């Protein structure tokens, strides 16, 4: 039976972002790829922001277990998501392939 984290209520989404963000940060630090991730996140963020703002506006998805704090028209947790996902991808990639000559 999977762990039911919905007991965190409106902090559920935030908790998942912080957990996976910590995993991403550990991988990036281990692979010495924090700078690569930062550049990737900065490059992708504007695209992700526009995409996210649009999909939320037209009702593609609705986030129920969130804090309710909006920043620049989208939930705080979505801003974190837009950093965590590319950070995790770069962290995994660099952990697997980084340092190969």
C-alpha atoms as a PDB file:
ATOM      1  CA  UNK A   1       0.000   0.000   0.000  1.00  0.00           C
ATOM      2  CA  UNK A   2       1.475   3.363  -1.014  1.00  0.00           C
ATOM      3  CA  UNK A   3       2.182   6.011   1.594  1.00  0.00           C
ATOM      4  CA  UNK A   4      -0.765   8.442   1.778  1.00  0.00           C
ATOM      5  CA  UNK A   5       0.766  11.902   2.024  1.00  0.00           C
ATOM      6  CA  UNK A   6      -2.566  13.673   1.518  1.00  0.00           C
ATOM      7  CA  UNK A   7      -2.677  13.957   5.306  1.00  0.00           C
ATOM      8  CA  UNK A   8      -0.490  17.020   4.731  1.00  0.00           C
ATOM      9  CA  UNK A   9      -3.562  18.728   3.265  1.00  0.00           C
ATOM     10  CA  UNK A  10      -2.775  21.968   1.504  1.00  0.00           C
ATOM     11  CA  UNK A  11       0.956  21.349   1.988  1.00  0.00           C
ATOM     12  CA  UNK A  12       0.945  18.048   0.075  1.00  0.00           C
ATOM     13  CA  UNK A  13       2.199  19.411  -3.255  1.00  0.00           C
ATOM     14  CA  UNK A  14       4.770  21.637  -1.528  1.00  0.00           C
ATOM     15  CA  UNK A  15       6.102  18.675   0.454  1.00  0.00           C
ATOM     16  CA  UNK A  16       6.542  16.579  -2.680  1.00  0.00           C
ATOM     17  CA  UNK A  17       8.373  19.412  -4.438  1.00  0.00           C
ATOM     18  CA  UNK A  18      10.689  19.906  -1.475  1.00  0.00           C
ATOM     19  CA  UNK A  19      11.396  16.176  -1.232  1.00  0.00           C
ATOM     20  CA  UNK A  20      12.211  15.739  -4.933  1.00  0.00           C
ATOM     21  CA  UNK A  21      14.049  19.064  -4.946  1.00  0.00           C
ATOM     22  CA  UNK A  22      16.305  17.720  -2.182  1.00  0.00           C
ATOM     23  CA  UNK A  23      16.918  14.554  -4.215  1.00  0.00           C
ATOM     24  CA  UNK A  24      17.792  16.690  -7.252  1.00  0.00           C
ATOM     25  CA  UNK A  25      20.128  18.902  -5.185  1.00  0.00           C
ATOM     26  CA  UNK A  26      21.951  15.873  -3.767  1.00  0.00           C
ATOM     27  CA  UNK A  27      22.437  14.365  -7.240  1.00  0.00           C
ATOM     28  CA  UNK A  28      23.606  17.683  -8.661  1.00  0.00           C
ATOM     29  CA  UNK A  29      26.058  18.222  -5.829  1.00  0.00           C
ATOM     30  CA  UNK A  30      27.375  14.662  -6.120  1.00  0.00           C
ATOM     31  CA  UNK A  31      27.846  15.083  -9.881  1.00  0.00           C
ATOM     32  CA  UNK A  32      29.285  18.594  -9.474  1.00  0.00           C
ATOM     33  CA  UNK A  33      26.618  19.856 -11.879  1.00  0.00           C
ATOM     34  CA  UNK A  34      24.920  22.673  -9.972  1.00  0.00           C
ATOM     35  CA  UNK A  35      26.022  25.252 -12.553  1.00  0.00           C
ATOM     36  CA  UNK A  36      24.809  23.146 -15.492  1.00  0.00           C
ATOM     37  CA  UNK A  37      21.450  22.717 -13.803  1.00  0.00           C
ATOM     38  CA  UNK A  38      21.154  26.426 -13.024  1.00  0.00           C
ATOM     39  CA  UNK A  39      21.812  27.353 -16.663  1.00  0.00           C
ATOM     40  CA  UNK A  40      19.326  24.730 -17.870  1.00  0.00           C
ATOM     41  CA  UNK A  41      16.663  25.868 -15.412  1.00  0.00           C
ATOM     42  CA  UNK A  42      17.124  29.529 -16.375  1.00  0.00           C
ATOM     43  CA  UNK A  43      16.861  28.662 -20.063  1.00  0.00           C
ATOM     44  CA  UNK A  44      13.718  26.532 -19.649  1.00  0.00           C
ATOM     45  CA  UNK A  45      11.916  28.564 -17.000  1.00  0.00           C
ATOM     46  CA  UNK A  46      10.306  31.194 -19.278  1.00  0.00           C
ATOM     47  CA  UNK A  47       8.940  28.497 -21.596  1.00  0.00           C
ATOM     48  CA  UNK A  48       7.661  26.439 -18.659  1.00  0.00           C
ATOM     49  CA  UNK A  49       6.069  29.506 -17.066  1.00  0.00           C
ATOM     50  CA  UNK A  50       4.101  30.456 -20.193  1.00  0.00           C
ATOM     51  CA  UNK A  51       3.074  26.836 -20.763  1.00  0.00           C
ATOM     52  CA  UNK A  52       1.986  26.394 -17.134  1.00  0.00           C
ATOM     53  CA  UNK A  53       0.116  29.685 -16.962  1.00  0.00           C
ATOM     54  CA  UNK A  54      -1.785  28.821 -20.140  1.00  0.00           C
ATOM     55  CA  UNK A  55      -2.691  25.251 -19.130  1.00  0.00           C
ATOM     56  CA  UNK A  56      -3.931  26.416 -15.743  1.00  0.00           C
ATOM     57  CA  UNK A  57      -5.953  29.233 -17.338  1.00  0.00           C
ATOM     58  CA  UNK A  58      -7.755  26.937 -19.781  1.00  0.00           C
ATOM     59  CA  UNK A  59      -8.374  24.291 -17.122  1.00  0.00           C
ATOM     60  CA  UNK A  60      -6.124  21.489 -18.369  1.00  0.00           C
ATOM     61  CA  UNK A  61      -5.446  20.601 -14.751  1.00  0.00           C
ATOM     62  CA  UNK A  62      -6.470  21.745 -11.290  1.00  0.00           C
ATOM     63  CA  UNK A  63      -4.183  21.493  -8.286  1.00  0.00           C
ATOM     64  CA  UNK A  64      -6.231  20.790  -5.177  1.00  0.00           C
ATOM     65  CA  UNK A  65      -3.636  19.957  -2.490  1.00  0.00           C
ATOM     66  CA  UNK A  66      -1.607  23.169  -2.652  1.00  0.00           C
ATOM     67  CA  UNK A  67      -0.868  26.041  -0.297  1.00  0.00           C
ATOM     68  CA  UNK A  68      -3.015  28.525  -2.188  1.00  0.00           C
ATOM     69  CA  UNK A  69      -0.117  30.931  -2.538  1.00  0.00           C
ATOM     70  CA  UNK A  70       0.105  32.280  -6.085  1.00  0.00           C
ATOM     71  CA  UNK A  71       3.166  34.037  -7.459  1.00  0.00           C
ATOM     72  CA  UNK A  72       2.923  35.787 -10.819  1.00  0.00           C
ATOM     73  CA  UNK A  73      -0.388  34.113 -11.558  1.00  0.00           C
ATOM     74  CA  UNK A  74       0.528  30.492 -10.840  1.00  0.00           C
ATOM     75  CA  UNK A  75       0.834  28.408  -7.663  1.00  0.00           C
ATOM     76  CA  UNK A  76       4.079  28.656  -5.700  1.00  0.00           C
ATOM     77  CA  UNK A  77       4.486  24.889  -6.059  1.00  0.00           C
ATOM     78  CA  UNK A  78       4.462  25.158  -9.853  1.00  0.00           C
ATOM     79  CA  UNK A  79       7.418  27.533  -9.749  1.00  0.00           C
ATOM     80  CA  UNK A  80       9.280  24.935  -7.699  1.00  0.00           C
ATOM     81  CA  UNK A  81       8.194  22.195 -10.115  1.00  0.00           C
ATOM     82  CA  UNK A  82       9.703  24.182 -13.008  1.00  0.00           C
ATOM     83  CA  UNK A  83      13.069  24.112 -11.238  1.00  0.00           C
ATOM     84  CA  UNK A  84      12.912  20.628  -9.722  1.00  0.00           C
ATOM     85  CA  UNK A  85      12.135  18.707 -12.921  1.00  0.00           C
ATOM     86  CA  UNK A  86      15.021  20.009 -15.043  1.00  0.00           C
ATOM     87  CA  UNK A  87      17.287  19.900 -11.988  1.00  0.00           C
ATOM     88  CA  UNK A  88      16.430  16.250 -11.448  1.00  0.00           C
ATOM     89  CA  UNK A  89      16.933  15.444 -15.136  1.00  0.00           C
ATOM     90  CA  UNK A  90      20.352  17.122 -15.205  1.00  0.00           C
ATOM     91  CA  UNK A  91      21.263  15.489 -11.883  1.00  0.00           C
ATOM     92  CA  UNK A  92      20.400  11.997 -13.129  1.00  0.00           C
ATOM     93  CA  UNK A  93      22.066  12.592 -16.493  1.00  0.00           C
ATOM     94  CA  UNK A  94      25.272  13.892 -14.955  1.00  0.00           C
ATOM     95  CA  UNK A  95      25.312  11.122 -12.351  1.00  0.00           C
ATOM     96  CA  UNK A  96      25.123   8.530 -15.128  1.00  0.00           C
ATOM     97  CA  UNK A  97      27.198  10.165 -17.868  1.00  0.00           C
ATOM     98  CA  UNK A  98      29.174  12.985 -16.214  1.00  0.00           C
ATOM     99  CA  UNK A  99      32.935  12.777 -16.174  1.00  0.00           C
ATOM    100  CA  UNK A 100      33.173  10.393 -19.108  1.00  0.00           C
ATOM    101  CA  UNK A 101      35.916  11.326 -21.497  1.00  0.00           C
END
